[in-house]
C-alpha atoms as a PDB file:
ATOM      1  CA  MET A   1     126.251 168.888 -37.524  1.00  0.00           C
ATOM      2  CA  GLU A   2     122.476 169.327 -37.097  1.00  0.00           C
ATOM      3  CA  LYS A   3     121.955 165.714 -38.224  1.00  0.00           C
ATOM      4  CA  VAL A   4     124.383 164.475 -35.571  1.00  0.00           C
ATOM      5  CA  VAL A   5     122.617 166.475 -32.838  1.00  0.00           C
ATOM      6  CA  ALA A   6     119.218 165.183 -34.012  1.00  0.00           C
ATOM      7  CA  LEU A   7     120.531 161.606 -34.038  1.00  0.00           C
ATOM      8  CA  LEU A   8     121.986 161.996 -30.544  1.00  0.00           C
ATOM      9  CA  ALA A   9     118.623 163.278 -29.300  1.00  0.00           C
ATOM     10  CA  PHE A  10     116.959 160.027 -30.444  1.00  0.00           C
ATOM     11  CA  LEU A  11     119.603 157.616 -29.088  1.00  0.00           C
ATOM     12  CA  PRO A  12     117.921 157.214 -25.666  1.00  0.00           C
ATOM     13  CA  LEU A  13     114.627 156.349 -27.377  1.00  0.00           C
ATOM     14  CA  ILE A  14     116.327 153.825 -29.638  1.00  0.00           C
ATOM     15  CA  PHE A  15     118.090 152.263 -26.628  1.00  0.00           C
ATOM     16  CA  VAL A  16     114.853 151.921 -24.649  1.00  0.00           C
ATOM     17  CA  ALA A  17     113.059 150.424 -27.647  1.00  0.00           C
ATOM     18  CA  ALA A  18     115.869 147.910 -28.220  1.00  0.00           C
ATOM     19  CA  CYS A  19     116.372 146.962 -24.572  1.00  0.00           C
ATOM     20  CA  GLY A  20     112.851 147.195 -23.256  1.00  0.00           C
ATOM     21  CA  ARG A  21     111.663 149.224 -20.307  1.00  0.00           C
ATOM     22  CA  GLY A  22     112.426 146.704 -17.579  1.00  0.00           C
ATOM     23  CA  PRO A  23     110.258 143.984 -16.088  1.00  0.00           C
ATOM     24  CA  THR A  24     106.537 144.124 -16.660  1.00  0.00           C
ATOM     25  CA  PRO A  25     104.630 144.459 -13.382  1.00  0.00           C
ATOM     26  CA  PRO A  26     102.186 141.647 -12.575  1.00  0.00           C
ATOM     27  CA  PRO A  27      98.542 142.194 -13.493  1.00  0.00           C
ATOM     28  CA  VAL A  28      96.388 143.757 -10.787  1.00  0.00           C
ATOM     29  CA  GLY A  29      94.960 141.182  -8.399  1.00  0.00           C
ATOM     30  CA  GLU A  30      97.787 138.670  -8.826  1.00  0.00           C
ATOM     31  CA  PRO A  31     100.547 138.150  -6.272  1.00  0.00           C
ATOM     32  CA  SER A  32     103.874 139.686  -7.169  1.00  0.00           C
ATOM     33  CA  GLY A  33     105.915 137.071  -5.313  1.00  0.00           C
ATOM     34  CA  PRO A  34     105.853 134.785  -2.313  1.00  0.00           C
ATOM     35  CA  SER A  35     103.603 135.770   0.553  1.00  0.00           C
ATOM     36  CA  GLU A  36     105.212 137.495   3.459  1.00  0.00           C
ATOM     37  CA  GLY A  37     105.795 135.492   6.572  1.00  0.00           C
ATOM     38  CA  ALA A  38     104.080 135.552   9.919  1.00  0.00           C
ATOM     39  CA  GLU A  39     105.408 134.924  13.413  1.00  0.00           C
ATOM     40  CA  VAL A  40     104.030 132.965  16.335  1.00  0.00           C
ATOM     41  CA  MET A  41     105.656 133.587  19.698  1.00  0.00           C
ATOM     42  CA  ILE A  42     106.032 130.780  22.230  1.00  0.00           C
ATOM     43  CA  GLU A  43     105.781 132.285  25.682  1.00  0.00           C
ATOM     44  CA  GLY A  44     104.137 131.432  28.975  1.00  0.00           C
ATOM     45  CA  PHE A  45     103.619 127.846  27.771  1.00  0.00           C
ATOM     46  CA  ALA A  46     101.326 129.125  25.008  1.00  0.00           C
ATOM     47  CA  PHE A  47     101.414 129.974  21.300  1.00  0.00           C
ATOM     48  CA  GLN A  48     100.752 133.682  20.705  1.00  0.00           C
ATOM     49  CA  PRO A  49      98.537 134.157  18.770  1.00  0.00           C
ATOM     50  CA  ALA A  50      96.771 130.833  19.272  1.00  0.00           C
ATOM     51  CA  THR A  51      95.200 131.092  15.794  1.00  0.00           C
ATOM     52  CA  THR A  52      96.941 132.629  12.798  1.00  0.00           C
ATOM     53  CA  THR A  53      95.234 133.184   9.437  1.00  0.00           C
ATOM     54  CA  VAL A  54      97.431 133.469   6.335  1.00  0.00           C
ATOM     55  CA  ALA A  55      97.351 133.126   2.542  1.00  0.00           C
ATOM     56  CA  PRO A  56      98.686 130.017   0.762  1.00  0.00           C
ATOM     57  CA  GLY A  57     102.455 130.172   0.326  1.00  0.00           C
ATOM     58  CA  THR A  58     103.035 131.927   3.637  1.00  0.00           C
ATOM     59  CA  THR A  59     105.894 130.872   5.874  1.00  0.00           C
ATOM     60  CA  ILE A  60     105.159 130.844   9.597  1.00  0.00           C
ATOM     61  CA  THR A  61     108.073 131.219  11.996  1.00  0.00           C
ATOM     62  CA  TRP A  62     107.701 130.100  15.610  1.00  0.00           C
ATOM     63  CA  ILE A  63     110.043 131.828  18.062  1.00  0.00           C
ATOM     64  CA  ASN A  64     110.583 130.414  21.552  1.00  0.00           C
ATOM     65  CA  GLN A  65     110.701 133.109  24.209  1.00  0.00           C
ATOM     66  CA  ASP A  66     110.229 130.717  27.148  1.00  0.00           C
ATOM     67  CA  SER A  67     113.138 129.618  29.317  1.00  0.00           C
ATOM     68  CA  VAL A  68     112.255 125.950  28.630  1.00  0.00           C
ATOM     69  CA  ALA A  69     112.468 124.032  25.353  1.00  0.00           C
ATOM     70  CA  HIS A  70     109.421 123.520  23.135  1.00  0.00           C
ATOM     71  CA  THR A  71     108.683 121.944  19.753  1.00  0.00           C
ATOM     72  CA  VAL A  72     106.070 122.537  17.067  1.00  0.00           C
ATOM     73  CA  ALA A  73     104.310 119.334  15.940  1.00  0.00           C
ATOM     74  CA  ILE A  74     102.067 119.818  12.928  1.00  0.00           C
ATOM     75  CA  GLY A  75     100.733 116.914  10.902  1.00  0.00           C
ATOM     76  CA  GLY A  76     103.573 114.413  10.529  1.00  0.00           C
ATOM     77  CA  THR A  77     106.259 117.078  10.977  1.00  0.00           C
ATOM     78  CA  GLU A  78     107.908 118.187  14.206  1.00  0.00           C
ATOM     79  CA  SER A  79     110.473 120.894  14.719  1.00  0.00           C
ATOM     80  CA  PRO A  80     113.687 120.208  16.586  1.00  0.00           C
ATOM     81  CA  ARG A  81     113.787 121.289  20.241  1.00  0.00           C
ATOM     82  CA  LEU A  82     113.599 125.047  20.344  1.00  0.00           C
ATOM     83  CA  ASN A  83     115.503 126.563  23.250  1.00  0.00           C
ATOM     84  CA  LYS A  84     114.985 130.167  24.303  1.00  0.00           C
ATOM     85  CA  GLY A  85     115.673 132.417  21.317  1.00  0.00           C
ATOM     86  CA  ASP A  86     115.491 129.570  18.767  1.00  0.00           C
ATOM     87  CA  SER A  87     113.070 129.650  15.852  1.00  0.00           C
ATOM     88  CA  TRP A  88     111.640 127.219  13.300  1.00  0.00           C
ATOM     89  CA  SER A  89     109.734 127.914  10.077  1.00  0.00           C
ATOM     90  CA  TYR A  90     107.186 126.013   8.004  1.00  0.00           C
ATOM     91  CA  THR A  91     105.562 127.056   4.713  1.00  0.00           C
ATOM     92  CA  PHE A  92     101.843 126.440   4.185  1.00  0.00           C
ATOM     93  CA  ASP A  93     101.213 125.951   0.473  1.00  0.00           C
ATOM     94  CA  THR A  94      97.634 124.665   0.517  1.00  0.00           C
ATOM     95  CA  ALA A  95      94.403 126.012   1.947  1.00  0.00           C
ATOM     96  CA  GLY A  96      93.014 124.378   5.059  1.00  0.00           C
ATOM     97  CA  THR A  97      93.017 124.432   8.834  1.00  0.00           C
ATOM     98  CA  PHE A  98      96.106 123.012  10.509  1.00  0.00           C
ATOM     99  CA  ASP A  99      96.113 122.244  14.231  1.00  0.00           C
ATOM    100  CA  TYR A 100      99.452 121.924  16.009  1.00  0.00           C
ATOM    101  CA  ILE A 101     100.820 121.278  19.487  1.00  0.00           C
ATOM    102  CA  CYS A 102     104.077 121.404  21.387  1.00  0.00           C
ATOM    103  CA  GLY A 103     105.427 117.850  21.225  1.00  0.00           C
ATOM    104  CA  LEU A 104     106.944 118.257  24.687  1.00  0.00           C
ATOM    105  CA  HIS A 105     103.872 119.897  26.256  1.00  0.00           C
ATOM    106  CA  PRO A 106     100.769 118.581  24.404  1.00  0.00           C
ATOM    107  CA  SER A 107      98.448 120.914  26.317  1.00  0.00           C
ATOM    108  CA  MET A 108      99.959 123.765  24.282  1.00  0.00           C
ATOM    109  CA  LYS A 109      97.814 124.041  21.158  1.00  0.00           C
ATOM    110  CA  GLY A 110      97.642 126.356  18.166  1.00  0.00           C
ATOM    111  CA  GLN A 111      96.021 126.583  14.771  1.00  0.00           C
ATOM    112  CA  ILE A 112      96.990 127.900  11.343  1.00  0.00           C
ATOM    113  CA  VAL A 113      94.151 128.784   8.949  1.00  0.00           C
ATOM    114  CA  VAL A 114      95.265 129.044   5.318  1.00  0.00           C
ATOM    115  CA  GLN A 115      92.732 130.689   3.019  1.00  0.00           C
END
């Protein structure tokens, strides 16, 4: 009976050794997954904030809070028309400075800095 009790006491250790202890955390200083997103509000015919600084891999979401439609034109890409309450997202994978405008109101300008 003592041998059975001793064996039962070691079963959890044997199980952990056989199955592993779960996922290994990433080394310190390395990202553990995709970067969190950031938001840019469209209100008062302006992008708020006008300049957003993020890490590579970050997704920016623009949210229109104006009562008129806007778009986000960045490089060769343009969002669909965003009515009040609509949003559009774009992921910035490479470092650099990216200027953008509203395609419907070109005086509205913003900038994304990826570093």
